[in-house]
Protein backbone atom coordinates (compact mmCIF):
# COMPACT_ATOMS: atom_id res chain seq x y z
CA UNK A 1 103.44 124.38 95.19
CA UNK A 2 101.08 122.71 97.64
CA UNK A 3 97.39 122.62 96.72
CA UNK A 4 94.70 122.21 99.36
CA UNK A 5 91.56 120.19 98.70
CA UNK A 6 89.18 119.30 101.51
CA UNK A 7 91.49 117.71 104.07
CA UNK A 8 94.14 116.90 101.48
CA UNK A 9 97.47 118.58 101.05
CA UNK A 10 99.15 117.68 97.79
CA UNK A 11 102.95 117.65 97.72
CA UNK A 12 103.70 118.02 94.04
CA UNK A 13 106.57 116.05 92.58
CA UNK A 14 108.23 119.07 90.96
CA UNK A 15 108.59 120.73 94.37
CA UNK A 16 110.69 117.88 95.72
CA UNK A 17 114.35 118.33 96.50
CA UNK A 18 116.95 116.70 94.30
CA UNK A 19 120.41 115.23 94.74
CA UNK A 20 122.35 114.37 91.58
CA UNK A 21 125.78 112.80 91.39
CA UNK A 22 127.47 110.78 88.69
CA UNK A 23 125.76 107.61 89.88
CA UNK A 24 122.68 108.74 91.85
CA UNK A 25 119.55 110.69 90.96
CA UNK A 26 117.45 111.13 94.11
CA UNK A 27 114.23 113.09 94.66
CA UNK A 28 113.28 114.03 98.22
CA UNK A 29 109.64 114.37 99.21
CA UNK A 30 110.71 115.71 102.62
CA UNK A 31 113.70 117.76 103.76
CA UNK A 32 116.81 115.63 103.41
CA UNK A 33 120.53 116.29 103.10
CA UNK A 34 121.07 119.72 101.57
CA UNK A 35 117.38 120.10 100.70
CA UNK A 36 115.50 122.00 103.39
CA UNK A 37 111.90 123.17 103.24
CA UNK A 38 110.19 124.05 106.55
CA UNK A 39 106.89 122.92 105.01
CA UNK A 40 108.36 119.51 104.18
CA UNK A 41 109.68 118.13 107.46
CA UNK A 42 107.74 114.88 107.32
CA UNK A 43 104.18 113.91 108.18
CA UNK A 44 103.28 112.31 111.49
CA UNK A 45 105.94 109.59 112.02
CA UNK A 46 106.80 109.54 108.29
CA UNK A 47 110.13 111.32 107.96
CA UNK A 48 111.72 110.46 104.58
CA UNK A 49 110.53 109.33 101.16
CA UNK A 50 113.46 109.33 98.75
CA UNK A 51 112.86 108.29 95.14
CA UNK A 52 116.27 106.92 94.14
CA UNK A 53 117.75 105.81 90.83
CA UNK A 54 121.22 104.27 90.83
CA UNK A 55 123.24 103.45 87.72
CA UNK A 56 124.62 99.92 87.09
CA UNK A 57 127.58 98.90 89.23
CA UNK A 58 127.24 101.71 91.77
CA UNK A 59 125.63 102.36 95.13
CA UNK A 60 125.80 103.67 98.67
CA UNK A 61 128.95 102.71 100.55
CA UNK A 62 128.88 101.52 104.16
CA UNK A 63 127.19 104.07 106.41
CA UNK A 64 125.41 104.12 109.76
CA UNK A 65 121.89 104.72 111.09
CA UNK A 66 120.39 104.85 114.56
CA UNK A 67 116.84 104.88 115.98
CA UNK A 68 115.02 104.80 112.65
CA UNK A 69 112.73 102.34 110.87
CA UNK A 70 114.05 102.13 107.29
CA UNK A 71 111.96 100.53 104.55
CA UNK A 72 113.29 99.87 101.05
CA UNK A 73 110.80 99.20 98.26
CA UNK A 74 112.24 98.40 94.81
CA UNK A 75 110.23 99.46 91.76
CA UNK A 76 112.55 98.11 89.05
CA UNK A 77 115.97 96.48 88.92
CA UNK A 78 117.67 94.94 91.92
CA UNK A 79 119.42 96.27 95.03
CA UNK A 80 122.04 94.36 96.99
CA UNK A 81 121.98 94.94 100.76
CA UNK A 82 124.73 94.12 103.28
CA UNK A 83 124.79 95.08 106.94
CA UNK A 84 126.66 94.73 110.22
CA UNK A 85 124.23 92.05 111.39
CA UNK A 86 125.59 89.73 108.71
CA UNK A 87 122.68 90.03 106.30
CA UNK A 88 123.40 89.97 102.60
CA UNK A 89 120.24 90.03 100.51
CA UNK A 90 119.06 91.02 97.04
CA UNK A 91 115.97 93.24 97.15
CA UNK A 92 113.75 92.86 94.09
CA UNK A 93 110.42 94.32 92.96
CA UNK A 94 107.68 92.88 95.15
CA UNK A 95 109.93 92.61 98.22
CA UNK A 96 109.38 94.55 101.43
CA UNK A 97 112.59 95.09 103.38
CA UNK A 98 112.78 96.76 106.76
CA UNK A 99 115.76 97.55 108.92
CA UNK A 100 115.26 98.73 112.50
CA UNK A 101 118.41 100.73 113.17
CA UNK A 102 117.88 100.87 116.95
CA UNK A 103 121.10 101.28 118.90
CA UNK A 104 123.07 101.44 115.66
CA UNK A 105 123.61 99.55 112.42
CA UNK A 106 125.85 99.99 109.39
CA UNK A 107 124.88 98.89 105.89
CA UNK A 108 125.58 99.35 102.20
CA UNK A 109 123.30 99.28 99.15
CA UNK A 110 124.61 98.46 95.70
CA UNK A 111 123.24 97.90 92.21
CA UNK A 112 124.84 94.60 91.18
CA UNK A 113 123.73 94.78 87.54
CA UNK A 114 126.20 95.53 84.75
CA UNK A 115 123.48 96.90 82.50
CA UNK A 116 120.27 97.90 84.34
CA UNK A 117 119.66 100.82 86.67
CA UNK A 118 117.75 100.26 89.91
CA UNK A 119 114.79 102.42 90.92
CA UNK A 120 113.59 102.27 94.50
CA UNK A 121 111.92 104.19 97.31
CA UNK A 122 113.68 104.52 100.63
CA UNK A 123 111.34 105.37 103.49
CA UNK A 124 112.28 106.45 107.00
CA UNK A 125 109.78 106.25 109.85
CA UNK A 126 110.45 107.45 113.38
CA UNK A 127 110.19 104.48 115.78
CA UNK A 128 107.89 104.41 118.81
CA UNK A 129 110.83 103.50 121.03
CA UNK A 130 114.55 104.19 121.05
CA UNK A 131 117.51 101.98 121.84
CA UNK A 132 116.07 98.71 120.51
CA UNK A 133 118.25 95.87 119.34
CA UNK A 134 118.83 96.35 115.57
CA UNK A 135 116.91 93.94 113.35
CA UNK A 136 116.38 93.10 109.68
CA UNK A 137 113.41 91.55 107.92
CA UNK A 138 112.55 90.95 104.28
CA UNK A 139 109.58 89.29 102.61
CA UNK A 140 108.39 88.87 99.04
CA UNK A 141 104.84 89.63 97.95
CA UNK A 142 103.69 88.06 94.65
CA UNK A 143 102.35 90.51 92.07
CA UNK A 144 98.90 88.94 92.12
CA UNK A 145 98.50 89.86 95.80
CA UNK A 146 98.64 93.59 95.01
CA UNK A 147 97.13 93.67 91.53
CA UNK A 148 93.95 95.73 91.65
CA UNK A 149 93.87 95.71 95.45
CA UNK A 150 95.74 96.96 98.48
CA UNK A 151 98.21 94.55 100.04
CA UNK A 152 99.46 95.13 103.58
CA UNK A 153 103.27 94.85 103.55
CA UNK A 154 104.27 96.45 106.88
CA UNK A 155 102.41 96.71 110.20
CA UNK A 156 103.06 96.95 113.96
CA UNK A 157 101.96 93.35 114.54
CA UNK A 158 103.27 91.69 111.37
CA UNK A 159 99.84 90.38 110.49
CA UNK A 160 98.91 88.82 107.15
CA UNK A 161 102.56 88.10 106.46
CA UNK A 162 103.63 91.74 106.56
CA UNK A 163 106.99 92.82 107.94
CA UNK A 164 106.95 94.25 111.44
CA UNK A 165 107.53 97.94 112.09
CA UNK A 166 108.10 99.55 115.48
CA UNK A 167 105.49 102.27 114.99
CA UNK A 168 101.71 102.60 114.65
CA UNK A 169 101.86 102.60 110.86
CA UNK A 170 100.34 100.31 108.27
CA UNK A 171 101.84 100.37 104.79
CA UNK A 172 99.80 99.06 101.86
CA UNK A 173 100.78 98.79 98.19
CA UNK A 174 98.70 98.31 95.06
CA UNK A 175 99.32 98.05 91.32
CA UNK A 176 96.52 99.13 89.04
CA UNK A 177 95.74 98.70 85.37
CA UNK A 178 94.18 101.64 83.53
CA UNK A 179 90.64 102.37 84.80
CA UNK A 180 91.04 100.01 87.78
CA UNK A 181 90.02 101.55 91.08
CA UNK A 182 90.30 100.87 94.80
CA UNK A 183 88.66 102.35 97.89
CA UNK A 184 90.14 103.05 101.30
CA UNK A 185 88.51 104.66 104.32
CA UNK A 186 90.67 106.69 106.65
CA UNK A 187 89.24 106.36 110.15
CA UNK A 188 88.61 109.24 112.56
CA UNK A 189 91.71 110.20 114.55
CA UNK A 190 93.92 108.58 111.87
CA UNK A 191 95.99 110.08 109.08
CA UNK A 192 97.12 108.82 105.69
CA UNK A 193 99.73 109.47 103.04
CA UNK A 194 99.35 108.31 99.43
CA UNK A 195 102.55 108.17 97.38
CA UNK A 196 102.29 107.69 93.62
CA UNK A 197 105.25 105.44 92.85
CA UNK A 198 104.62 104.87 89.14
CA UNK A 199 102.07 105.99 86.58
CA UNK A 200 99.14 108.38 86.85
CA UNK A 201 96.09 108.16 89.09
CA UNK A 202 93.08 110.16 90.16
CA UNK A 203 92.51 110.49 93.90
CA UNK A 204 88.93 111.57 94.52
CA UNK A 205 88.95 113.04 90.97
CA UNK A 206 92.26 114.90 91.40
CA UNK A 207 94.88 113.88 88.86
CA UNK A 208 98.27 112.87 90.28
CA UNK A 209 101.50 111.73 88.67
CA UNK A 210 104.43 109.56 89.73
CA UNK A 211 106.28 111.36 92.50
CA UNK A 212 103.26 113.21 93.84
CA UNK A 213 102.33 112.64 97.48
CA UNK A 214 99.10 113.44 99.30
CA UNK A 215 98.64 113.84 103.04
CA UNK A 216 95.19 113.21 104.50
CA UNK A 217 94.26 114.42 107.97
CA UNK A 218 91.16 112.87 109.46
CA UNK A 219 88.34 110.62 108.32
CA UNK A 220 87.78 110.45 104.59
CA UNK A 221 86.78 107.90 101.98
CA UNK A 222 89.44 107.68 99.29
CA UNK A 223 88.77 106.57 95.74
CA UNK A 224 91.93 105.86 93.79
CA UNK A 225 91.45 105.36 90.05
CA UNK A 226 94.29 104.50 87.68
CA UNK A 227 94.65 106.65 84.57
CA UNK A 228 97.61 104.60 83.33
CA UNK A 229 99.32 101.50 84.63
CA UNK A 230 100.20 102.65 88.15
CA UNK A 231 101.63 101.66 91.51
CA UNK A 232 100.82 103.39 94.79
CA UNK A 233 101.87 103.20 98.42
CA UNK A 234 99.32 104.05 101.11
CA UNK A 235 100.43 104.76 104.67
CA UNK A 236 97.83 104.65 107.46
CA UNK A 237 99.35 106.65 110.33
CA UNK A 238 98.60 107.38 113.97
């Protein structure tokens, strides 16, 4: 159930879609695959947030994408990426990986561990242009750069060492210890989405849990306070 508060709309974690197979447990914030909810078709250019858990030694076989900005953010474990551009990288916690599918790209994602599951968020953002040359970029952000503060990891201009995204979106991440807090001001004519990746937080005194998402439409000062050890993603959107 969605709960309105001021200019917030809370997308509760228990209302997400779910795909379960023998090797994958995936929760869908927005309509995806067989999960369809007309009230969950994305927000602004943000189209997909899938919260994926993959068992050891399994993963997504080679498949194709086109005209989509795809960000992978690993929360625990490790994910092995291979694509038709010749990239073969391990994505670990603290890494930001983006793939601009453009005119078309194929890739696979695999958990190389024999013992540990991998937990990650896969995010799709509609690009501001179609038919671009496919590209891949990955950077690592040390834990101290996001501890108790927001760290920019993706932006249209790649500033501050962030990966570049072909859309007017800025993606920030933060990890918070209990009682730690951060502020963020959403500017007029902008929008925001806060995704609780791990732990529990309070957003302007509203309690949220891992998997909850909040859309913000218009100017507002956000106060995010950790109730437990937590990790959040904050999207600033056109």
